[in-house]
Amino acid sequence: MTRPHPNTVESVRSEDEVIPTNTSETRTETDSLGSVEVPADAYWGVHTMRALQNFPISKRPISVYPELVVALAQVKQAACRANKELGALDPRKQAWIDEACQRIIDGEFHDQFVVGVIQGGAGTSTNMNANEVIANIALEIAGYPRARYDLIHPIDDVNRSQSTNDTYPTALKLAMTASLTTMLTELDLLRISFGRKGREFHEVLKVGRTQLQDAVPMTLGQEFHGFATTLGEDIARLRETIKLLSEVNLGGTAVGTGITADPGYAAAVVRHLSEITGQRLETAPDLVEATSDTGVFMTFSSALKRSAIKLSKICNDLRLLSSGPQAGLGEIHLPPKQAGSSIMPGKVNPVIPEAVSQVAYAVAGADVTVMMAAENGQLQLNAFEPVIAHSLLQSITWMRQACWTLRVNCVDGITPNTEHLEAQVASSVGVITALIPFIGYAEAAKLAKVALATGRPVADLVVEAGLMTREDVTRQLMPSRLSGVHPITQAINVVELKGEPSD
């Protein structure tokens, strides 16, 4: 098989990473390493081409994360406005660059962001991809052909007063904030769905379980209300990280000293970026520290992992509660979504909770990746921010979609197996726990053992032993009282639940 020339487009294509070009014609671009052939219709240039040749690893271009592409354009737009304000950029160039950035923000040209998500160079290839695309769009707006870098230069003009080391992490924080916001919307909708089921099931009695063994009665509504509450707690924890993401090192340039930038640039660019994004951003108090530190990404990753693992625990509970349908717990019915076996007719599996748990495992693994990348960021710069970016943005994206499918394809359609639950409650030995204040633990334990051995009702055994009257036993063992539907022992009210998305 003939291998393509290393400078041709075909040498860097894959089934997942298709280089956008409609022609076999090329143009020659040159950098400090020499000349490279670039597809004539590409908006990117020589630096991007070299990245495509060097990093054919992930088979996933950065455009799979549109929030990151938009964030890069927002940073470049803020930079050109600050540079014009400070007299560091010609007003005509600024106008062309500004319009080019806005078109990317509006959703155009995303297919031109082609470098792989995994790359060396601390994100330099991503930054250069953005610089080249913006420069060539700006040239086109100005009426010039692409690659006329003597008129608008990717570095001298688009990247003025910047370094990858401050633009890339700033764009990543913006992208994470935007992506997290959409994920939290889905997580909140899932919380509401569980809460609605909590209200719907608030009178459906069941036997609680601790350590997989029968415990005291409760309601199915209480169980689902608990799911809603735990998701609400995670929403609050994740929202706390947004404040941490608002501190940026923009203006620090290479190592945080601000070399090549006007003394007033850092304040000006953050002000413009805040106006563009609508976020209240602030310059880090120590730009040298902020350039090398990736602690915020670890904090964010940890909060995301917590949410994912708790969501997986809920999914495991749903799988257990719906197990069977004949030889398992069989307390609830999950909506059937697809045939569960290629050999066993009629089998239906809990595929939605299974998929969501797998997302949680991936998020947990990504957290380890983020931790290792953060720990290995030597001296003044962390070279491994690209894998941090990919790990976190992928985790957020998968979590958002997992919350959506769990809500729409599972939780909204759950129904209780009421008859089965009622039968279990009626024969439960655990209800004797409520009689301990009246007959003592030792007597209760003896009668529980007899009830399990003989299958006789607890109430009958207590009355026959002369420990309580039938009337008193019946009153104390009302399952609705034990579960808290009619509270007698400080049980929480499980019927009330805020049903609207949280602020």
Protein backbone atom coordinates (compact mmCIF):
# COMPACT_ATOMS: atom_id res chain seq x y z
CA MET A 1 0.00 0.00 0.00
CA THR A 2 1.39 3.41 -0.97
CA ARG A 3 1.63 5.76 1.99
CA PRO A 4 0.64 9.38 1.36
CA HIS A 5 3.21 12.12 1.47
CA PRO A 6 3.46 13.52 5.03
CA ASN A 7 2.49 16.99 3.84
CA THR A 8 -0.76 15.92 2.16
CA VAL A 9 -4.19 16.13 3.68
CA GLU A 10 -4.76 12.38 3.35
CA SER A 11 -1.88 11.62 5.71
CA VAL A 12 -3.75 13.07 8.68
CA ARG A 13 -7.30 12.01 7.95
CA SER A 14 -9.19 9.37 9.92
CA GLU A 15 -12.75 8.13 10.00
CA ASP A 16 -13.44 10.50 12.91
CA GLU A 17 -11.25 13.46 11.97
CA VAL A 18 -11.96 14.64 8.46
CA ILE A 19 -9.97 17.64 7.34
CA PRO A 20 -12.49 20.11 5.85
CA THR A 21 -11.47 20.72 2.27
CA ASN A 22 -13.34 20.74 -1.01
CA THR A 23 -10.34 20.80 -3.30
CA SER A 24 -7.05 19.04 -3.87
CA GLU A 25 -5.36 22.38 -4.48
CA THR A 26 -2.93 23.64 -1.88
CA ARG A 27 -1.16 26.80 -0.85
CA THR A 28 2.31 27.05 0.62
CA GLU A 29 2.73 28.49 4.11
CA THR A 30 5.99 28.95 5.97
CA ASP A 31 7.02 29.04 9.61
CA SER A 32 10.39 28.93 11.38
CA LEU A 33 10.70 25.22 10.59
CA GLY A 34 10.16 25.56 6.87
CA SER A 35 7.35 25.38 4.32
CA VAL A 36 4.23 23.19 4.39
CA GLU A 37 1.43 22.62 1.90
CA VAL A 38 -2.00 23.56 3.28
CA PRO A 39 -5.37 22.90 1.57
CA ALA A 40 -6.17 26.02 -0.43
CA ASP A 41 -9.71 26.32 0.95
CA ALA A 42 -8.71 25.89 4.62
CA TYR A 43 -8.99 28.82 6.98
CA TRP A 44 -6.25 27.33 9.14
CA GLY A 45 -2.56 27.38 8.22
CA VAL A 46 0.92 26.02 8.73
CA HIS A 47 0.87 25.68 12.54
CA THR A 48 -2.41 23.79 12.44
CA MET A 49 -1.11 21.57 9.65
CA ARG A 50 1.91 20.60 11.71
CA ALA A 51 -0.35 19.77 14.66
CA LEU A 52 -2.46 17.53 12.45
CA GLN A 53 0.68 15.69 11.40
CA ASN A 54 2.10 15.44 14.92
CA PHE A 55 -1.00 14.54 16.94
CA PRO A 56 -3.20 12.03 15.05
CA ILE A 57 -4.07 10.53 18.43
CA SER A 58 -7.58 11.16 19.66
CA LYS A 59 -9.40 11.18 16.30
CA ARG A 60 -11.47 13.95 17.88
CA PRO A 61 -10.99 17.58 16.80
CA ILE A 62 -11.45 20.37 19.32
CA SER A 63 -14.64 21.33 17.47
CA VAL A 64 -16.41 18.46 19.28
CA TYR A 65 -16.53 20.93 22.16
CA PRO A 66 -18.28 23.97 20.62
CA GLU A 67 -18.17 25.77 23.97
CA LEU A 68 -14.37 25.76 23.76
CA VAL A 69 -14.38 27.10 20.19
CA VAL A 70 -16.73 29.90 21.20
CA ALA A 71 -14.65 30.67 24.29
CA LEU A 72 -11.46 30.94 22.22
CA ALA A 73 -13.18 33.42 19.91
CA GLN A 74 -14.47 35.40 22.90
CA VAL A 75 -10.95 35.68 24.33
CA LYS A 76 -9.56 36.82 20.96
CA GLN A 77 -12.39 39.33 20.58
CA ALA A 78 -11.73 40.79 24.02
CA ALA A 79 -8.00 40.95 23.25
CA CYS A 80 -8.45 42.88 20.00
CA ARG A 81 -10.77 45.37 21.70
CA ALA A 82 -8.33 45.90 24.57
CA ASN A 83 -5.42 46.29 22.15
CA LYS A 84 -7.31 48.90 20.13
CA GLU A 85 -8.24 50.74 23.31
CA LEU A 86 -4.57 50.86 24.34
CA GLY A 87 -3.37 51.87 20.87
CA ALA A 88 -1.63 48.54 20.26
CA LEU A 89 -3.75 47.48 17.27
CA ASP A 90 -4.81 49.35 14.13
CA PRO A 91 -8.56 50.16 14.34
CA ARG A 92 -9.24 48.69 10.89
CA LYS A 93 -7.55 45.40 11.79
CA GLN A 94 -9.41 45.37 15.08
CA ALA A 95 -12.75 45.74 13.30
CA TRP A 96 -12.00 42.88 10.92
CA ILE A 97 -10.71 40.60 13.69
CA ASP A 98 -13.65 41.51 15.91
CA GLU A 99 -16.15 40.58 13.19
CA ALA A 100 -14.32 37.33 12.48
CA CYS A 101 -14.51 36.40 16.16
CA GLN A 102 -18.19 37.26 16.31
CA ARG A 103 -18.98 35.01 13.38
CA ILE A 104 -17.28 32.11 15.20
CA ILE A 105 -19.19 32.97 18.38
CA ASP A 106 -22.38 32.88 16.31
CA GLY A 107 -21.59 29.34 15.19
CA GLU A 108 -19.77 29.75 11.87
CA PHE A 109 -16.46 28.12 10.91
CA HIS A 110 -16.43 25.60 13.76
CA ASP A 111 -15.42 22.90 11.29
CA GLN A 112 -12.13 24.74 10.82
CA PHE A 113 -11.04 23.98 14.39
CA VAL A 114 -9.44 20.69 13.46
CA VAL A 115 -6.50 19.99 15.76
CA GLY A 116 -6.91 16.97 18.01
CA VAL A 117 -8.04 17.38 21.60
CA ILE A 118 -4.91 15.55 22.78
CA GLN A 119 -1.78 17.48 21.86
CA GLY A 120 1.59 18.48 23.21
CA GLY A 121 2.58 22.08 23.81
CA ALA A 122 0.17 23.07 26.60
CA GLY A 123 -2.54 23.98 24.10
CA THR A 124 -0.36 25.94 21.66
CA SER A 125 -1.78 24.06 18.68
CA THR A 126 -5.31 24.94 19.74
CA ASN A 127 -4.37 28.59 20.18
CA MET A 128 -2.62 28.70 16.81
CA ASN A 129 -5.57 27.01 15.12
CA ALA A 130 -7.77 29.82 16.48
CA ASN A 131 -5.28 32.52 15.48
CA GLU A 132 -5.01 31.25 11.91
CA VAL A 133 -8.74 30.76 11.40
CA ILE A 134 -9.56 34.20 12.77
CA ALA A 135 -6.83 35.84 10.69
CA ASN A 136 -8.04 34.27 7.46
CA ILE A 137 -11.69 35.06 8.15
CA ALA A 138 -10.64 38.65 8.88
CA LEU A 139 -8.68 38.79 5.63
CA GLU A 140 -11.74 37.57 3.74
CA ILE A 141 -13.92 40.18 5.45
CA ALA A 142 -11.41 42.87 4.45
CA GLY A 143 -11.49 41.67 0.84
CA TYR A 144 -8.10 40.00 0.77
CA PRO A 145 -7.16 36.40 -0.09
CA ARG A 146 -6.34 33.91 2.63
CA ALA A 147 -2.76 33.69 3.92
CA ARG A 148 -1.98 37.37 3.23
CA TYR A 149 -0.42 37.49 6.65
CA ASP A 150 1.51 40.62 5.75
CA LEU A 151 -1.85 42.40 6.05
CA ILE A 152 -3.37 40.56 9.06
CA HIS A 153 -1.04 38.24 10.92
CA PRO A 154 -2.19 35.33 13.12
CA ILE A 155 0.39 36.11 15.80
CA ASP A 156 1.30 39.78 15.44
CA ASP A 157 -2.32 40.88 15.19
CA VAL A 158 -4.77 38.17 16.35
CA ASN A 159 -2.47 36.96 19.16
CA ARG A 160 -1.18 40.41 20.15
CA SER A 161 -0.53 40.84 23.90
CA GLN A 162 -1.28 37.15 24.43
CA SER A 163 0.31 33.79 25.02
CA THR A 164 -1.19 30.34 24.83
CA ASN A 165 -0.38 30.19 28.52
CA ASP A 166 -3.01 32.75 29.44
CA THR A 167 -5.53 32.51 26.58
CA TYR A 168 -5.93 28.73 26.62
CA PRO A 169 -6.71 28.26 30.35
CA THR A 170 -8.97 31.31 30.26
CA ALA A 171 -10.90 29.89 27.31
CA LEU A 172 -11.09 26.52 29.07
CA LYS A 173 -12.64 28.11 32.17
CA LEU A 174 -15.19 29.93 30.01
CA ALA A 175 -16.02 26.72 28.14
CA MET A 176 -16.39 24.75 31.37
CA THR A 177 -18.71 27.39 32.81
CA ALA A 178 -20.91 27.41 29.70
CA SER A 179 -20.98 23.62 29.45
CA LEU A 180 -21.64 23.20 33.17
CA THR A 181 -24.58 25.60 32.96
CA THR A 182 -26.34 23.42 30.40
CA MET A 183 -25.49 20.28 32.37
CA LEU A 184 -26.95 21.74 35.56
CA THR A 185 -30.17 22.48 33.69
CA GLU A 186 -30.51 18.79 32.85
CA LEU A 187 -29.50 17.71 36.35
CA ASP A 188 -32.13 20.02 37.82
CA LEU A 189 -34.80 18.66 35.49
CA LEU A 190 -33.85 15.17 36.64
CA ARG A 191 -34.17 16.31 40.27
CA ILE A 192 -37.64 17.61 39.53
CA SER A 193 -38.60 14.33 37.86
CA PHE A 194 -37.57 12.34 40.93
CA GLY A 195 -39.44 14.83 43.11
CA ARG A 196 -42.61 14.39 41.10
CA LYS A 197 -42.35 10.65 41.51
CA GLY A 198 -41.86 11.24 45.22
CA ARG A 199 -45.21 13.02 45.37
CA GLU A 200 -46.86 10.44 43.11
CA PHE A 201 -45.68 7.56 45.31
CA HIS A 202 -46.09 9.25 48.69
CA GLU A 203 -48.72 6.76 49.88
CA VAL A 204 -47.17 3.64 48.35
CA LEU A 205 -45.89 1.62 51.31
CA LYS A 206 -42.87 -0.64 51.10
CA VAL A 207 -40.28 -2.35 53.28
CA GLY A 208 -37.07 -0.41 53.71
CA ARG A 209 -33.73 -2.19 53.50
CA THR A 210 -30.40 -1.72 55.22
CA GLN A 211 -27.40 -3.80 54.14
CA LEU A 212 -29.77 -5.55 51.71
CA GLN A 213 -31.78 -6.94 54.64
CA ASP A 214 -35.36 -6.10 55.56
CA ALA A 215 -35.72 -3.03 57.74
CA VAL A 216 -38.72 -0.93 58.83
CA PRO A 217 -41.53 0.29 56.56
CA MET A 218 -41.29 3.47 54.54
CA THR A 219 -42.91 4.77 51.40
CA LEU A 220 -41.71 4.61 47.85
CA GLY A 221 -42.30 8.36 47.83
CA GLN A 222 -39.76 8.84 50.61
CA GLU A 223 -37.23 6.84 48.63
CA PHE A 224 -37.68 8.91 45.48
CA HIS A 225 -37.80 12.13 47.47
CA GLY A 226 -34.38 11.17 48.81
CA PHE A 227 -33.08 10.81 45.27
CA ALA A 228 -34.32 14.31 44.46
CA THR A 229 -32.72 15.76 47.58
CA THR A 230 -29.30 14.28 46.91
CA LEU A 231 -29.31 15.62 43.35
CA GLY A 232 -30.21 19.06 44.69
CA GLU A 233 -27.18 18.95 46.97
CA ASP A 234 -24.92 18.16 44.02
CA ILE A 235 -26.34 21.03 42.02
CA ALA A 236 -25.42 23.38 44.86
CA ARG A 237 -21.87 22.01 45.11
CA LEU A 238 -21.29 22.28 41.35
CA ARG A 239 -22.60 25.83 41.25
CA GLU A 240 -20.01 26.79 43.85
CA THR A 241 -17.25 25.95 41.37
CA ILE A 242 -18.46 28.58 38.89
CA LYS A 243 -17.12 31.30 41.17
CA LEU A 244 -13.72 29.62 41.17
CA LEU A 245 -13.74 29.48 37.36
CA SER A 246 -14.30 33.25 37.15
CA GLU A 247 -10.70 34.01 38.18
CA VAL A 248 -8.47 34.13 35.09
CA ASN A 249 -4.81 34.75 34.32
CA LEU A 250 -5.45 36.68 31.10
CA GLY A 251 -2.80 39.34 30.70
CA GLY A 252 -0.08 37.26 32.32
CA THR A 253 1.16 36.14 28.86
CA ALA A 254 4.00 33.59 28.98
CA VAL A 255 4.73 32.99 32.68
CA GLY A 256 2.56 35.57 34.42
CA THR A 257 4.90 38.56 34.17
CA GLY A 258 2.86 40.16 31.38
CA ILE A 259 5.79 40.47 28.99
CA THR A 260 4.84 41.96 25.53
CA ALA A 261 1.58 43.37 26.92
CA ASP A 262 0.78 46.96 27.81
CA PRO A 263 0.67 47.55 31.60
CA GLY A 264 -3.02 48.34 31.32
CA TYR A 265 -3.84 45.35 29.15
CA ALA A 266 -4.76 42.81 31.86
CA ALA A 267 -7.44 45.02 33.37
CA ALA A 268 -8.74 46.10 29.97
CA VAL A 269 -8.98 42.62 28.44
CA VAL A 270 -10.77 41.13 31.45
CA ARG A 271 -13.23 44.02 31.42
CA HIS A 272 -13.97 43.46 27.73
CA LEU A 273 -14.21 39.69 28.20
CA SER A 274 -16.70 40.16 31.03
CA GLU A 275 -18.85 42.32 28.77
CA ILE A 276 -18.67 39.81 25.91
CA THR A 277 -19.50 36.74 28.00
CA GLY A 278 -21.85 38.30 30.52
CA GLN A 279 -19.78 36.73 33.30
CA ARG A 280 -18.25 38.56 36.22
CA LEU A 281 -14.62 37.69 35.59
CA GLU A 282 -11.66 38.93 37.59
CA THR A 283 -7.90 38.96 37.19
CA ALA A 284 -6.06 36.58 39.48
CA PRO A 285 -4.12 38.46 42.20
CA ASP A 286 -0.90 36.56 41.39
CA LEU A 287 -0.60 35.93 37.66
CA VAL A 288 2.58 33.87 38.03
CA GLU A 289 0.82 31.52 40.44
CA ALA A 290 -2.36 31.47 38.36
CA THR A 291 -0.44 30.54 35.21
CA SER A 292 1.15 27.48 36.77
CA ASP A 293 -1.66 26.35 39.08
CA THR A 294 -4.47 24.05 37.95
CA GLY A 295 -6.07 23.53 41.35
CA VAL A 296 -9.43 24.88 40.19
CA PHE A 297 -9.68 22.09 37.64
CA MET A 298 -9.09 19.48 40.34
CA THR A 299 -11.76 21.07 42.53
CA PHE A 300 -14.20 21.11 39.66
CA SER A 301 -13.38 17.54 38.65
CA SER A 302 -13.87 16.33 42.20
CA ALA A 303 -17.30 17.95 42.45
CA LEU A 304 -18.28 16.47 39.10
CA LYS A 305 -17.08 13.02 40.17
CA ARG A 306 -19.11 13.27 43.38
CA SER A 307 -22.24 14.03 41.39
CA ALA A 308 -21.56 11.21 38.93
CA ILE A 309 -20.95 8.60 41.62
CA LYS A 310 -24.08 9.57 43.54
CA LEU A 311 -26.08 9.42 40.31
CA SER A 312 -24.69 5.95 39.66
CA LYS A 313 -25.72 4.90 43.18
CA ILE A 314 -29.27 6.00 42.38
CA CYS A 315 -29.14 4.02 39.14
CA ASN A 316 -27.95 0.95 41.02
CA ASP A 317 -30.91 1.35 43.38
CA LEU A 318 -33.29 1.55 40.44
CA ARG A 319 -31.82 -1.63 39.00
CA LEU A 320 -32.22 -3.44 42.31
CA LEU A 321 -35.75 -2.18 42.91
CA SER A 322 -36.80 -3.26 39.42
CA SER A 323 -34.93 -6.58 39.45
CA GLY A 324 -36.87 -9.65 38.40
CA PRO A 325 -39.55 -9.37 37.29
CA GLN A 326 -40.30 -12.76 38.87
CA ALA A 327 -37.25 -13.70 40.91
CA GLY A 328 -36.00 -10.29 42.04
CA LEU A 329 -37.24 -7.46 44.24
CA GLY A 330 -39.74 -6.35 41.60
CA GLU A 331 -40.88 -3.28 43.54
CA ILE A 332 -41.00 -0.91 40.58
CA HIS A 333 -41.37 -1.20 36.82
CA LEU A 334 -38.91 0.66 34.59
CA PRO A 335 -40.26 1.56 31.16
CA PRO A 336 -39.17 -1.11 28.65
CA LYS A 337 -36.94 0.44 26.01
CA GLN A 338 -35.44 -2.39 23.99
CA ALA A 339 -35.18 -6.15 23.82
CA GLY A 340 -32.76 -7.36 26.44
CA SER A 341 -31.42 -10.56 24.98
CA SER A 342 -30.53 -12.14 21.68
CA ILE A 343 -31.37 -15.57 23.09
CA MET A 344 -33.96 -15.19 25.88
CA PRO A 345 -37.38 -14.12 24.54
CA GLY A 346 -39.19 -11.42 26.46
CA LYS A 347 -36.19 -10.36 28.52
CA VAL A 348 -35.97 -6.60 29.12
CA ASN A 349 -32.92 -5.10 30.83
CA PRO A 350 -32.48 -1.80 32.75
CA VAL A 351 -30.34 -0.39 29.95
CA ILE A 352 -30.78 3.29 30.79
CA PRO A 353 -29.47 3.07 34.39
CA GLU A 354 -26.69 0.79 33.12
CA ALA A 355 -25.58 3.41 30.59
CA VAL A 356 -25.65 6.19 33.17
CA SER A 357 -23.50 4.19 35.58
CA GLN A 358 -20.93 3.68 32.83
CA VAL A 359 -20.79 7.43 32.37
CA ALA A 360 -20.08 7.74 36.09
CA TYR A 361 -17.20 5.29 35.81
CA ALA A 362 -15.73 7.34 32.95
CA VAL A 363 -16.09 10.56 34.96
CA ALA A 364 -14.31 8.94 37.91
CA GLY A 365 -11.50 7.83 35.61
CA ALA A 366 -11.27 11.31 34.12
CA ASP A 367 -10.87 12.71 37.63
CA VAL A 368 -7.76 10.57 38.09
CA THR A 369 -6.44 11.87 34.77
CA VAL A 370 -6.99 15.48 35.86
CA MET A 371 -5.26 14.82 39.18
CA MET A 372 -2.20 13.29 37.51
CA ALA A 373 -2.00 16.07 34.92
CA ALA A 374 -2.25 18.74 37.61
CA GLU A 375 0.46 17.11 39.73
CA ASN A 376 2.87 16.93 36.80
CA GLY A 377 2.67 20.61 35.81
CA GLN A 378 6.28 21.55 36.46
CA LEU A 379 7.52 25.05 37.30
CA GLN A 380 5.80 27.98 35.56
CA LEU A 381 3.37 26.12 33.28
CA ASN A 382 1.29 22.96 33.19
CA ALA A 383 2.00 21.32 29.86
CA PHE A 384 -0.89 18.88 30.27
CA GLU A 385 -3.86 21.22 30.20
CA PRO A 386 -5.13 19.74 26.89
CA VAL A 387 -5.88 16.39 28.55
CA ILE A 388 -7.44 18.26 31.48
CA ALA A 389 -9.63 20.16 29.02
CA HIS A 390 -10.66 17.02 27.15
CA SER A 391 -11.32 15.04 30.33
CA LEU A 392 -13.51 17.69 31.92
CA LEU A 393 -15.42 18.79 28.83
CA GLN A 394 -16.12 15.19 27.88
CA SER A 395 -17.28 14.42 31.43
CA ILE A 396 -19.64 17.39 31.46
CA THR A 397 -21.01 16.51 28.03
CA TRP A 398 -21.59 12.86 28.93
CA MET A 399 -23.15 13.77 32.27
CA ARG A 400 -25.55 16.19 30.57
CA GLN A 401 -26.70 13.55 28.11
CA ALA A 402 -26.87 10.89 30.82
CA CYS A 403 -29.17 13.08 32.94
CA TRP A 404 -31.38 13.68 29.93
CA THR A 405 -31.79 10.03 28.98
CA LEU A 406 -32.28 8.91 32.59
CA ARG A 407 -35.10 11.42 32.99
CA VAL A 408 -36.84 11.04 29.63
CA ASN A 409 -36.31 7.33 29.02
CA CYS A 410 -36.53 6.01 32.56
CA VAL A 411 -37.60 8.06 35.58
CA ASP A 412 -40.60 9.76 33.99
CA GLY A 413 -42.08 6.34 33.16
CA ILE A 414 -41.45 4.45 36.41
CA THR A 415 -44.52 2.80 37.98
CA PRO A 416 -44.85 0.94 41.30
CA ASN A 417 -45.68 -2.75 41.72
CA THR A 418 -48.29 -1.83 44.33
CA GLU A 419 -49.77 -5.25 45.07
CA HIS A 420 -46.35 -6.79 45.58
CA LEU A 421 -45.29 -3.96 47.88
CA GLU A 422 -48.43 -4.22 49.99
CA ALA A 423 -47.92 -7.95 50.44
CA GLN A 424 -44.33 -7.42 51.57
CA VAL A 425 -45.34 -4.79 54.12
CA ALA A 426 -48.12 -6.98 55.49
CA SER A 427 -45.70 -9.83 56.20
CA SER A 428 -42.75 -7.73 57.36
CA VAL A 429 -41.12 -8.63 60.67
CA GLY A 430 -39.28 -5.31 60.76
CA VAL A 431 -42.36 -3.52 62.05
CA ILE A 432 -41.68 -4.94 65.50
CA THR A 433 -39.02 -2.24 65.86
CA ALA A 434 -41.82 0.21 66.65
CA LEU A 435 -42.86 -1.87 69.65
CA ILE A 436 -39.50 -1.71 71.43
CA PRO A 437 -40.56 1.30 73.57
CA PHE A 438 -43.50 -0.81 74.83
CA ILE A 439 -42.11 -4.37 75.14
CA GLY A 440 -38.32 -3.86 75.24
CA TYR A 441 -35.59 -4.89 72.81
CA ALA A 442 -35.08 -8.39 74.25
CA GLU A 443 -38.72 -9.40 73.96
CA ALA A 444 -38.96 -7.86 70.49
CA ALA A 445 -35.93 -9.85 69.34
CA LYS A 446 -37.42 -13.11 70.63
CA LEU A 447 -40.75 -12.54 68.92
CA ALA A 448 -39.05 -11.47 65.66
CA LYS A 449 -37.15 -14.76 65.63
CA VAL A 450 -40.38 -16.69 66.15
CA ALA A 451 -42.16 -14.71 63.44
CA LEU A 452 -39.39 -15.46 60.94
CA ALA A 453 -39.38 -19.15 61.82
CA THR A 454 -43.14 -19.65 61.76
CA GLY A 455 -44.32 -17.01 59.32
CA ARG A 456 -46.90 -15.82 61.86
CA PRO A 457 -47.79 -12.10 62.08
CA VAL A 458 -45.92 -10.07 64.66
CA ALA A 459 -49.13 -8.58 66.04
CA ASP A 460 -50.56 -11.99 66.92
CA LEU A 461 -47.41 -13.06 68.73
CA VAL A 462 -47.25 -9.87 70.80
CA VAL A 463 -50.90 -10.15 71.87
CA GLU A 464 -50.57 -13.88 72.69
CA ALA A 465 -47.57 -13.11 74.87
CA GLY A 466 -49.72 -10.68 76.84
CA LEU A 467 -47.33 -7.82 76.18
CA MET A 468 -49.85 -5.47 74.54
CA THR A 469 -53.54 -5.35 73.72
CA ARG A 470 -54.72 -5.95 70.17
CA GLU A 471 -55.93 -2.37 69.95
CA ASP A 472 -52.57 -0.92 71.04
CA VAL A 473 -50.57 -3.18 68.72
CA THR A 474 -52.78 -2.36 65.77
CA ARG A 475 -52.44 1.36 66.41
CA GLN A 476 -48.65 1.28 66.77
CA LEU A 477 -48.09 -0.99 63.78
CA MET A 478 -50.06 1.02 61.28
CA PRO A 479 -47.57 1.10 58.37
CA SER A 480 -48.62 4.64 57.46
CA ARG A 481 -47.62 5.80 60.95
CA LEU A 482 -44.34 3.92 60.85
CA SER A 483 -43.37 5.34 57.47
CA GLY A 484 -44.07 8.95 58.41
CA VAL A 485 -47.09 9.47 56.18
CA HIS A 486 -48.85 10.10 59.50
CA PRO A 487 -45.77 10.97 61.58
CA ILE A 488 -45.53 9.98 65.20
CA THR A 489 -41.77 9.99 65.74
CA GLN A 490 -40.44 13.17 64.14
CA ALA A 491 -40.49 11.71 60.64
CA ILE A 492 -39.81 14.33 57.95
CA ASN A 493 -42.61 15.48 55.69
CA VAL A 494 -41.89 13.80 52.38
CA VAL A 495 -44.92 15.07 50.49
CA GLU A 496 -43.78 18.64 49.99
CA LEU A 497 -41.17 19.31 47.31
CA LYS A 498 -40.24 22.38 45.32
CA GLY A 499 -41.09 21.37 41.80
CA GLU A 500 -39.52 24.19 39.79
CA PRO A 501 -35.94 24.38 38.60
CA SER A 502 -33.66 25.84 41.26
CA ASP A 503 -32.21 29.30 40.71
